[in-house]
């Protein structure tokens, strides 16, 4: 029996970048596939993200005016930090 876990992700858009942020450590391909499946991005945009940058890092959510949340790089062990995979494209 195969168990499929839904990837918890969100599309973040700033003035210069579109970012898919998925909690946990995932491959670029898994994040892009989940974003298409969850209708965060159009299937036609998957190629753009496949050519984009991919990082796994620790992040921390901090308040910032004008945003519902701002994700700053952090370190493992910092209170409130979480590991996430990001796939991003500049525009």
PDB file of N, CA and C in Angstrom:
ATOM      1  N   UNK A   1       0.841  -1.183   0.000  1.00  0.00           N
ATOM      2  CA  UNK A   1       0.000   0.000   0.000  1.00  0.00           C
ATOM      3  C   UNK A   1       0.884   1.243   0.000  1.00  0.00           C
ATOM      4  N   UNK A   2       0.616   2.182  -0.870  1.00  0.00           N
ATOM      5  CA  UNK A   2       1.369   3.425  -0.964  1.00  0.00           C
ATOM      6  C   UNK A   2       0.602   4.526  -0.249  1.00  0.00           C
ATOM      7  N   UNK A   3       1.301   5.255   0.602  1.00  0.00           N
ATOM      8  CA  UNK A   3       0.694   6.375   1.306  1.00  0.00           C
ATOM      9  C   UNK A   3       1.234   7.663   0.702  1.00  0.00           C
ATOM     10  N   UNK A   4       0.345   8.517   0.248  1.00  0.00           N
ATOM     11  CA  UNK A   4       0.749   9.787  -0.332  1.00  0.00           C
ATOM     12  C   UNK A   4       0.474  10.891   0.676  1.00  0.00           C
ATOM     13  N   UNK A   5       1.496  11.674   0.958  1.00  0.00           N
ATOM     14  CA  UNK A   5       1.349  12.784   1.884  1.00  0.00           C
ATOM     15  C   UNK A   5       1.239  14.077   1.087  1.00  0.00           C
ATOM     16  N   UNK A   6       0.229  14.853   1.397  1.00  0.00           N
ATOM     17  CA  UNK A   6       0.063  16.144   0.734  1.00  0.00           C
ATOM     18  C   UNK A   6       1.158  17.093   1.214  1.00  0.00           C
ATOM     19  N   UNK A   7       1.786  17.756   0.281  1.00  0.00           N
ATOM     20  CA  UNK A   7       2.831  18.719   0.613  1.00  0.00           C
ATOM     21  C   UNK A   7       2.164  20.042   0.975  1.00  0.00           C
ATOM     22  N   UNK A   8       2.497  20.563   2.146  1.00  0.00           N
ATOM     23  CA  UNK A   8       1.977  21.838   2.629  1.00  0.00           C
ATOM     24  C   UNK A   8       2.778  22.947   1.955  1.00  0.00           C
ATOM     25  N   UNK A   9       2.165  23.640   0.997  1.00  0.00           N
ATOM     26  CA  UNK A   9       2.917  24.673   0.279  1.00  0.00           C
ATOM     27  C   UNK A   9       2.090  25.904   0.034  1.00  0.00           C
ATOM     28  N   UNK A  10       2.784  26.980  -0.279  1.00  0.00           N
ATOM     29  CA  UNK A  10       2.121  28.218  -0.651  1.00  0.00           C
ATOM     30  C   UNK A  10       2.936  28.939  -1.705  1.00  0.00           C
ATOM     31  N   UNK A  11       2.249  29.718  -2.506  1.00  0.00           N
ATOM     32  CA  UNK A  11       2.880  30.548  -3.517  1.00  0.00           C
ATOM     33  C   UNK A  11       3.060  31.938  -2.925  1.00  0.00           C
ATOM     34  N   UNK A  12       4.295  32.402  -2.901  1.00  0.00           N
ATOM     35  CA  UNK A  12       4.626  33.729  -2.369  1.00  0.00           C
ATOM     36  C   UNK A  12       5.080  34.606  -3.529  1.00  0.00           C
ATOM     37  N   UNK A  13       4.542  35.801  -3.621  1.00  0.00           N
ATOM     38  CA  UNK A  13       4.887  36.700  -4.717  1.00  0.00           C
ATOM     39  C   UNK A  13       5.395  38.010  -4.142  1.00  0.00           C
ATOM     40  N   UNK A  14       6.575  38.415  -4.600  1.00  0.00           N
ATOM     41  CA  UNK A  14       7.128  39.712  -4.205  1.00  0.00           C
ATOM     42  C   UNK A  14       7.325  40.538  -5.471  1.00  0.00           C
ATOM     43  N   UNK A  15       7.955  41.695  -5.333  1.00  0.00           N
ATOM     44  CA  UNK A  15       8.163  42.565  -6.484  1.00  0.00           C
ATOM     45  C   UNK A  15       9.094  41.959  -7.533  1.00  0.00           C
ATOM     46  N   UNK A  16       9.986  41.070  -7.128  1.00  0.00           N
ATOM     47  CA  UNK A  16      10.989  40.550  -8.065  1.00  0.00           C
ATOM     48  C   UNK A  16      11.046  39.028  -8.173  1.00  0.00           C
ATOM     49  N   UNK A  17      10.166  38.325  -7.455  1.00  0.00           N
ATOM     50  CA  UNK A  17      10.309  36.889  -7.366  1.00  0.00           C
ATOM     51  C   UNK A  17       8.969  36.202  -7.103  1.00  0.00           C
ATOM     52  N   UNK A  18       8.804  35.007  -7.679  1.00  0.00           N
ATOM     53  CA  UNK A  18       7.677  34.132  -7.351  1.00  0.00           C
ATOM     54  C   UNK A  18       8.279  32.890  -6.702  1.00  0.00           C
ATOM     55  N   UNK A  19       7.807  32.551  -5.510  1.00  0.00           N
ATOM     56  CA  UNK A  19       8.388  31.465  -4.731  1.00  0.00           C
ATOM     57  C   UNK A  19       7.331  30.450  -4.328  1.00  0.00           C
ATOM     58  N   UNK A  20       7.657  29.186  -4.539  1.00  0.00           N
ATOM     59  CA  UNK A  20       6.863  28.093  -3.995  1.00  0.00           C
ATOM     60  C   UNK A  20       7.575  27.656  -2.728  1.00  0.00           C
ATOM     61  N   UNK A  21       6.928  27.771  -1.588  1.00  0.00           N
ATOM     62  CA  UNK A  21       7.524  27.362  -0.319  1.00  0.00           C
ATOM     63  C   UNK A  21       6.753  26.167   0.214  1.00  0.00           C
ATOM     64  N   UNK A  22       7.475  25.066   0.424  1.00  0.00           N
ATOM     65  CA  UNK A  22       6.869  23.831   0.924  1.00  0.00           C
ATOM     66  C   UNK A  22       7.537  23.462   2.236  1.00  0.00           C
ATOM     67  N   UNK A  23       6.748  23.279   3.265  1.00  0.00           N
ATOM     68  CA  UNK A  23       7.316  22.869   4.558  1.00  0.00           C
ATOM     69  C   UNK A  23       7.916  21.489   4.437  1.00  0.00           C
ATOM     70  N   UNK A  24       9.121  21.325   4.985  1.00  0.00           N
ATOM     71  CA  UNK A  24       9.827  20.053   4.927  1.00  0.00           C
ATOM     72  C   UNK A  24      10.830  20.013   3.781  1.00  0.00           C
ATOM     73  N   UNK A  25      11.481  18.885   3.637  1.00  0.00           N
ATOM     74  CA  UNK A  25      12.498  18.716   2.597  1.00  0.00           C
ATOM     75  C   UNK A  25      11.914  17.883   1.458  1.00  0.00           C
ATOM     76  N   UNK A  26      11.917  18.469   0.259  1.00  0.00           N
ATOM     77  CA  UNK A  26      11.321  17.834  -0.916  1.00  0.00           C
ATOM     78  C   UNK A  26      12.194  18.094  -2.136  1.00  0.00           C
ATOM     79  N   UNK A  27      12.007  17.296  -3.168  1.00  0.00           N
ATOM     80  CA  UNK A  27      12.693  17.556  -4.428  1.00  0.00           C
ATOM     81  C   UNK A  27      11.991  18.713  -5.136  1.00  0.00           C
ATOM     82  N   UNK A  28      12.715  19.328  -6.053  1.00  0.00           N
ATOM     83  CA  UNK A  28      12.135  20.402  -6.856  1.00  0.00           C
ATOM     84  C   UNK A  28      10.914  19.878  -7.615  1.00  0.00           C
ATOM     85  N   UNK A  29      11.055  18.683  -8.196  1.00  0.00           N
ATOM     86  CA  UNK A  29       9.977  18.099  -8.982  1.00  0.00           C
ATOM     87  C   UNK A  29       8.726  17.848  -8.139  1.00  0.00           C
ATOM     88  N   UNK A  30       8.900  17.389  -6.902  1.00  0.00           N
ATOM     89  CA  UNK A  30       7.754  17.124  -6.024  1.00  0.00           C
ATOM     90  C   UNK A  30       7.029  18.416  -5.653  1.00  0.00           C
ATOM     91  N   UNK A  31       7.778  19.482  -5.403  1.00  0.00           N
ATOM     92  CA  UNK A  31       7.170  20.773  -5.055  1.00  0.00           C
ATOM     93  C   UNK A  31       6.379  21.321  -6.238  1.00  0.00           C
ATOM     94  N   UNK A  32       6.959  21.249  -7.425  1.00  0.00           N
ATOM     95  CA  UNK A  32       6.273  21.760  -8.621  1.00  0.00           C
ATOM     96  C   UNK A  32       5.021  20.939  -8.909  1.00  0.00           C
ATOM     97  N   UNK A  33       5.121  19.619  -8.814  1.00  0.00           N
ATOM     98  CA  UNK A  33       3.958  18.755  -9.053  1.00  0.00           C
ATOM     99  C   UNK A  33       2.846  19.048  -8.046  1.00  0.00           C
ATOM    100  N   UNK A  34       3.206  19.243  -6.787  1.00  0.00           N
ATOM    101  CA  UNK A  34       2.211  19.560  -5.760  1.00  0.00           C
ATOM    102  C   UNK A  34       1.566  20.919  -6.040  1.00  0.00           C
ATOM    103  N   UNK A  35       2.358  21.886  -6.492  1.00  0.00           N
ATOM    104  CA  UNK A  35       1.814  23.215  -6.794  1.00  0.00           C
ATOM    105  C   UNK A  35       0.809  23.148  -7.934  1.00  0.00           C
ATOM    106  N   UNK A  36       1.081  22.327  -8.936  1.00  0.00           N
ATOM    107  CA  UNK A  36       0.131  22.150 -10.041  1.00  0.00           C
ATOM    108  C   UNK A  36      -1.109  21.424  -9.536  1.00  0.00           C
ATOM    109  N   UNK A  37      -0.921  20.333  -8.783  1.00  0.00           N
ATOM    110  CA  UNK A  37      -2.053  19.562  -8.254  1.00  0.00           C
ATOM    111  C   UNK A  37      -2.956  20.397  -7.357  1.00  0.00           C
ATOM    112  N   UNK A  38      -2.353  21.300  -6.570  1.00  0.00           N
ATOM    113  CA  UNK A  38      -3.121  22.133  -5.639  1.00  0.00           C
ATOM    114  C   UNK A  38      -3.573  23.446  -6.284  1.00  0.00           C
ATOM    115  N   UNK A  39      -3.323  23.572  -7.588  1.00  0.00           N
ATOM    116  CA  UNK A  39      -3.723  24.732  -8.387  1.00  0.00           C
ATOM    117  C   UNK A  39      -3.137  26.049  -7.883  1.00  0.00           C
ATOM    118  N   UNK A  40      -1.930  25.980  -7.335  1.00  0.00           N
ATOM    119  CA  UNK A  40      -1.204  27.196  -6.953  1.00  0.00           C
ATOM    120  C   UNK A  40      -0.551  27.821  -8.189  1.00  0.00           C
ATOM    121  N   UNK A  41      -0.157  26.955  -9.151  1.00  0.00           N
ATOM    122  CA  UNK A  41       0.401  27.436 -10.419  1.00  0.00           C
ATOM    123  C   UNK A  41      -0.292  26.692 -11.565  1.00  0.00           C
ATOM    124  N   UNK A  42      -0.286  27.300 -12.736  1.00  0.00           N
ATOM    125  CA  UNK A  42      -0.829  26.662 -13.929  1.00  0.00           C
ATOM    126  C   UNK A  42       0.147  25.609 -14.437  1.00  0.00           C
ATOM    127  N   UNK A  43      -0.357  24.532 -15.020  1.00  0.00           N
ATOM    128  CA  UNK A  43       0.542  23.527 -15.592  1.00  0.00           C
ATOM    129  C   UNK A  43       1.530  24.126 -16.595  1.00  0.00           C
ATOM    130  N   UNK A  44       1.096  25.168 -17.315  1.00  0.00           N
ATOM    131  CA  UNK A  44       1.989  25.817 -18.289  1.00  0.00           C
ATOM    132  C   UNK A  44       3.183  26.490 -17.627  1.00  0.00           C
ATOM    133  N   UNK A  45       3.075  26.862 -16.345  1.00  0.00           N
ATOM    134  CA  UNK A  45       4.163  27.524 -15.631  1.00  0.00           C
ATOM    135  C   UNK A  45       5.159  26.540 -15.014  1.00  0.00           C
ATOM    136  N   UNK A  46       4.849  25.258 -15.030  1.00  0.00           N
ATOM    137  CA  UNK A  46       5.718  24.261 -14.404  1.00  0.00           C
ATOM    138  C   UNK A  46       7.123  24.284 -15.005  1.00  0.00           C
ATOM    139  N   UNK A  47       7.225  24.492 -16.322  1.00  0.00           N
ATOM    140  CA  UNK A  47       8.544  24.545 -16.975  1.00  0.00           C
ATOM    141  C   UNK A  47       9.381  25.702 -16.449  1.00  0.00           C
ATOM    142  N   UNK A  48       8.755  26.839 -16.200  1.00  0.00           N
ATOM    143  CA  UNK A  48       9.480  27.999 -15.672  1.00  0.00           C
ATOM    144  C   UNK A  48      10.076  27.674 -14.306  1.00  0.00           C
ATOM    145  N   UNK A  49       9.281  27.029 -13.450  1.00  0.00           N
ATOM    146  CA  UNK A  49       9.766  26.669 -12.117  1.00  0.00           C
ATOM    147  C   UNK A  49      10.825  25.570 -12.190  1.00  0.00           C
ATOM    148  N   UNK A  50      10.690  24.658 -13.154  1.00  0.00           N
ATOM    149  CA  UNK A  50      11.692  23.591 -13.314  1.00  0.00           C
ATOM    150  C   UNK A  50      13.061  24.180 -13.650  1.00  0.00           C
ATOM    151  N   UNK A  51      13.068  25.320 -14.326  1.00  0.00           N
ATOM    152  CA  UNK A  51      14.328  25.992 -14.660  1.00  0.00           C
ATOM    153  C   UNK A  51      14.774  26.940 -13.542  1.00  0.00           C
ATOM    154  N   UNK A  52      13.944  27.094 -12.514  1.00  0.00           N
ATOM    155  CA  UNK A  52      14.239  28.026 -11.421  1.00  0.00           C
ATOM    156  C   UNK A  52      15.201  27.456 -10.395  1.00  0.00           C
ATOM    157  N   UNK A  53      15.391  28.214  -9.346  1.00  0.00           N
ATOM    158  CA  UNK A  53      16.309  27.843  -8.270  1.00  0.00           C
ATOM    159  C   UNK A  53      15.594  27.003  -7.221  1.00  0.00           C
ATOM    160  N   UNK A  54      16.353  26.136  -6.558  1.00  0.00           N
ATOM    161  CA  UNK A  54      15.814  25.197  -5.564  1.00  0.00           C
ATOM    162  C   UNK A  54      16.728  25.222  -4.341  1.00  0.00           C
ATOM    163  N   UNK A  55      16.152  25.429  -3.169  1.00  0.00           N
ATOM    164  CA  UNK A  55      16.930  25.452  -1.923  1.00  0.00           C
ATOM    165  C   UNK A  55      16.138  24.772  -0.808  1.00  0.00           C
ATOM    166  N   UNK A  56      16.867  24.151   0.111  1.00  0.00           N
ATOM    167  CA  UNK A  56      16.282  23.640   1.346  1.00  0.00           C
ATOM    168  C   UNK A  56      17.003  24.376   2.462  1.00  0.00           C
ATOM    169  N   UNK A  57      16.237  25.018   3.348  1.00  0.00           N
ATOM    170  CA  UNK A  57      16.839  25.852   4.377  1.00  0.00           C
ATOM    171  C   UNK A  57      15.885  25.941   5.568  1.00  0.00           C
ATOM    172  N   UNK A  58      16.366  26.564   6.627  1.00  0.00           N
ATOM    173  CA  UNK A  58      15.546  26.844   7.808  1.00  0.00           C
ATOM    174  C   UNK A  58      15.036  28.268   7.702  1.00  0.00           C
ATOM    175  N   UNK A  59      13.756  28.465   8.052  1.00  0.00           N
ATOM    176  CA  UNK A  59      13.118  29.777   7.970  1.00  0.00           C
ATOM    177  C   UNK A  59      12.392  30.087   9.269  1.00  0.00           C
ATOM    178  N   UNK A  60      12.114  31.361   9.439  1.00  0.00           N
ATOM    179  CA  UNK A  60      11.413  31.865  10.610  1.00  0.00           C
ATOM    180  C   UNK A  60      10.409  32.903  10.098  1.00  0.00           C
ATOM    181  N   UNK A  61       9.212  32.869  10.616  1.00  0.00           N
ATOM    182  CA  UNK A  61       8.189  33.834  10.223  1.00  0.00           C
ATOM    183  C   UNK A  61       8.295  35.061  11.118  1.00  0.00           C
ATOM    184  N   UNK A  62       8.368  36.227  10.490  1.00  0.00           N
ATOM    185  CA  UNK A  62       8.433  37.473  11.247  1.00  0.00           C
ATOM    186  C   UNK A  62       7.398  38.453  10.702  1.00  0.00           C
ATOM    187  N   UNK A  63       6.851  39.300  11.562  1.00  0.00           N
ATOM    188  CA  UNK A  63       5.881  40.286  11.075  1.00  0.00           C
ATOM    189  C   UNK A  63       6.587  41.371  10.252  1.00  0.00           C
ATOM    190  N   UNK A  64       5.895  41.853   9.244  1.00  0.00           N
ATOM    191  CA  UNK A  64       6.435  42.944   8.428  1.00  0.00           C
ATOM    192  C   UNK A  64       5.267  43.697   7.819  1.00  0.00           C
ATOM    193  N   UNK A  65       5.319  45.010   7.882  1.00  0.00           N
ATOM    194  CA  UNK A  65       4.243  45.840   7.340  1.00  0.00           C
ATOM    195  C   UNK A  65       4.007  45.524   5.870  1.00  0.00           C
ATOM    196  N   UNK A  66       2.737  45.395   5.509  1.00  0.00           N
ATOM    197  CA  UNK A  66       2.376  45.170   4.121  1.00  0.00           C
ATOM    198  C   UNK A  66       2.309  43.701   3.719  1.00  0.00           C
ATOM    199  N   UNK A  67       2.680  42.787   4.621  1.00  0.00           N
ATOM    200  CA  UNK A  67       2.673  41.356   4.311  1.00  0.00           C
ATOM    201  C   UNK A  67       1.908  40.606   5.402  1.00  0.00           C
ATOM    202  N   UNK A  68       1.262  39.515   5.021  1.00  0.00           N
ATOM    203  CA  UNK A  68       0.609  38.682   6.031  1.00  0.00           C
ATOM    204  C   UNK A  68       1.655  37.924   6.828  1.00  0.00           C
ATOM    205  N   UNK A  69       2.777  37.597   6.172  1.00  0.00           N
ATOM    206  CA  UNK A  69       3.907  36.942   6.840  1.00  0.00           C
ATOM    207  C   UNK A  69       5.158  37.207   6.019  1.00  0.00           C
ATOM    208  N   UNK A  70       6.285  37.295   6.682  1.00  0.00           N
ATOM    209  CA  UNK A  70       7.570  37.472   6.020  1.00  0.00           C
ATOM    210  C   UNK A  70       8.474  36.347   6.496  1.00  0.00           C
ATOM    211  N   UNK A  71       9.041  35.604   5.562  1.00  0.00           N
ATOM    212  CA  UNK A  71       9.883  34.463   5.910  1.00  0.00           C
ATOM    213  C   UNK A  71      11.345  34.848   5.784  1.00  0.00           C
ATOM    214  N   UNK A  72      12.050  34.792   6.892  1.00  0.00           N
ATOM    215  CA  UNK A  72      13.466  35.134   6.931  1.00  0.00           C
ATOM    216  C   UNK A  72      14.289  33.865   7.108  1.00  0.00           C
ATOM    217  N   UNK A  73      15.478  33.812   6.508  1.00  0.00           N
ATOM    218  CA  UNK A  73      16.351  32.662   6.758  1.00  0.00           C
ATOM    219  C   UNK A  73      16.647  32.544   8.253  1.00  0.00           C
ATOM    220  N   UNK A  74      16.754  31.324   8.736  1.00  0.00           N
ATOM    221  CA  UNK A  74      17.000  31.078  10.144  1.00  0.00           C
ATOM    222  C   UNK A  74      17.986  29.930  10.291  1.00  0.00           C
ATOM    223  N   UNK A  75      18.039  29.356  11.461  1.00  0.00           N
ATOM    224  CA  UNK A  75      18.927  28.228  11.740  1.00  0.00           C
ATOM    225  C   UNK A  75      18.145  27.166  12.488  1.00  0.00           C
ATOM    226  N   UNK A  76      18.586  25.925  12.348  1.00  0.00           N
ATOM    227  CA  UNK A  76      17.975  24.839  13.095  1.00  0.00           C
ATOM    228  C   UNK A  76      18.132  25.109  14.582  1.00  0.00           C
ATOM    229  N   UNK A  77      17.088  24.850  15.340  1.00  0.00           N
ATOM    230  CA  UNK A  77      17.144  25.037  16.783  1.00  0.00           C
ATOM    231  C   UNK A  77      16.643  26.387  17.264  1.00  0.00           C
ATOM    232  N   UNK A  78      16.485  27.354  16.348  1.00  0.00           N
ATOM    233  CA  UNK A  78      15.942  28.648  16.727  1.00  0.00           C
ATOM    234  C   UNK A  78      14.443  28.473  16.968  1.00  0.00           C
ATOM    235  N   UNK A  79      13.969  28.971  18.079  1.00  0.00           N
ATOM    236  CA  UNK A  79      12.557  28.825  18.424  1.00  0.00           C
ATOM    237  C   UNK A  79      11.676  29.350  17.288  1.00  0.00           C
ATOM    238  N   UNK A  80      10.752  28.514  16.859  1.00  0.00           N
ATOM    239  CA  UNK A  80       9.820  28.897  15.799  1.00  0.00           C
ATOM    240  C   UNK A  80      10.334  28.658  14.391  1.00  0.00           C
ATOM    241  N   UNK A  81      11.570  28.210  14.252  1.00  0.00           N
ATOM    242  CA  UNK A  81      12.081  27.986  12.898  1.00  0.00           C
ATOM    243  C   UNK A  81      11.541  26.675  12.330  1.00  0.00           C
ATOM    244  N   UNK A  82      11.495  26.599  11.016  1.00  0.00           N
ATOM    245  CA  UNK A  82      11.027  25.388  10.343  1.00  0.00           C
ATOM    246  C   UNK A  82      11.845  25.168   9.079  1.00  0.00           C
ATOM    247  N   UNK A  83      11.967  23.905   8.713  1.00  0.00           N
ATOM    248  CA  UNK A  83      12.694  23.546   7.502  1.00  0.00           C
ATOM    249  C   UNK A  83      11.723  23.617   6.335  1.00  0.00           C
ATOM    250  N   UNK A  84      12.177  24.208   5.240  1.00  0.00           N
ATOM    251  CA  UNK A  84      11.313  24.337   4.072  1.00  0.00           C
ATOM    252  C   UNK A  84      12.137  24.225   2.798  1.00  0.00           C
ATOM    253  N   UNK A  85      11.452  23.794   1.770  1.00  0.00           N
ATOM    254  CA  UNK A  85      12.022  23.739   0.428  1.00  0.00           C
ATOM    255  C   UNK A  85      11.409  24.879  -0.359  1.00  0.00           C
ATOM    256  N   UNK A  86      12.255  25.646  -1.035  1.00  0.00           N
ATOM    257  CA  UNK A  86      11.753  26.730  -1.874  1.00  0.00           C
ATOM    258  C   UNK A  86      12.213  26.513  -3.312  1.00  0.00           C
ATOM    259  N   UNK A  87      11.308  26.798  -4.219  1.00  0.00           N
ATOM    260  CA  UNK A  87      11.605  26.813  -5.644  1.00  0.00           C
ATOM    261  C   UNK A  87      11.164  28.190  -6.108  1.00  0.00           C
ATOM    262  N   UNK A  88      12.101  28.944  -6.692  1.00  0.00           N
ATOM    263  CA  UNK A  88      11.735  30.313  -7.031  1.00  0.00           C
ATOM    264  C   UNK A  88      12.247  30.728  -8.406  1.00  0.00           C
ATOM    265  N   UNK A  89      11.513  31.664  -8.995  1.00  0.00           N
ATOM    266  CA  UNK A  89      11.892  32.247 -10.262  1.00  0.00           C
ATOM    267  C   UNK A  89      11.893  33.759 -10.113  1.00  0.00           C
ATOM    268  N   UNK A  90      12.830  34.401 -10.757  1.00  0.00           N
ATOM    269  CA  UNK A  90      12.889  35.862 -10.769  1.00  0.00           C
ATOM    270  C   UNK A  90      12.102  36.355 -11.972  1.00  0.00           C
ATOM    271  N   UNK A  91      11.501  37.526 -11.833  1.00  0.00           N
ATOM    272  CA  UNK A  91      10.741  38.080 -12.960  1.00  0.00           C
ATOM    273  C   UNK A  91      10.909  39.548 -13.091  1.00  0.00           C
TER     274      UNK A  91
END
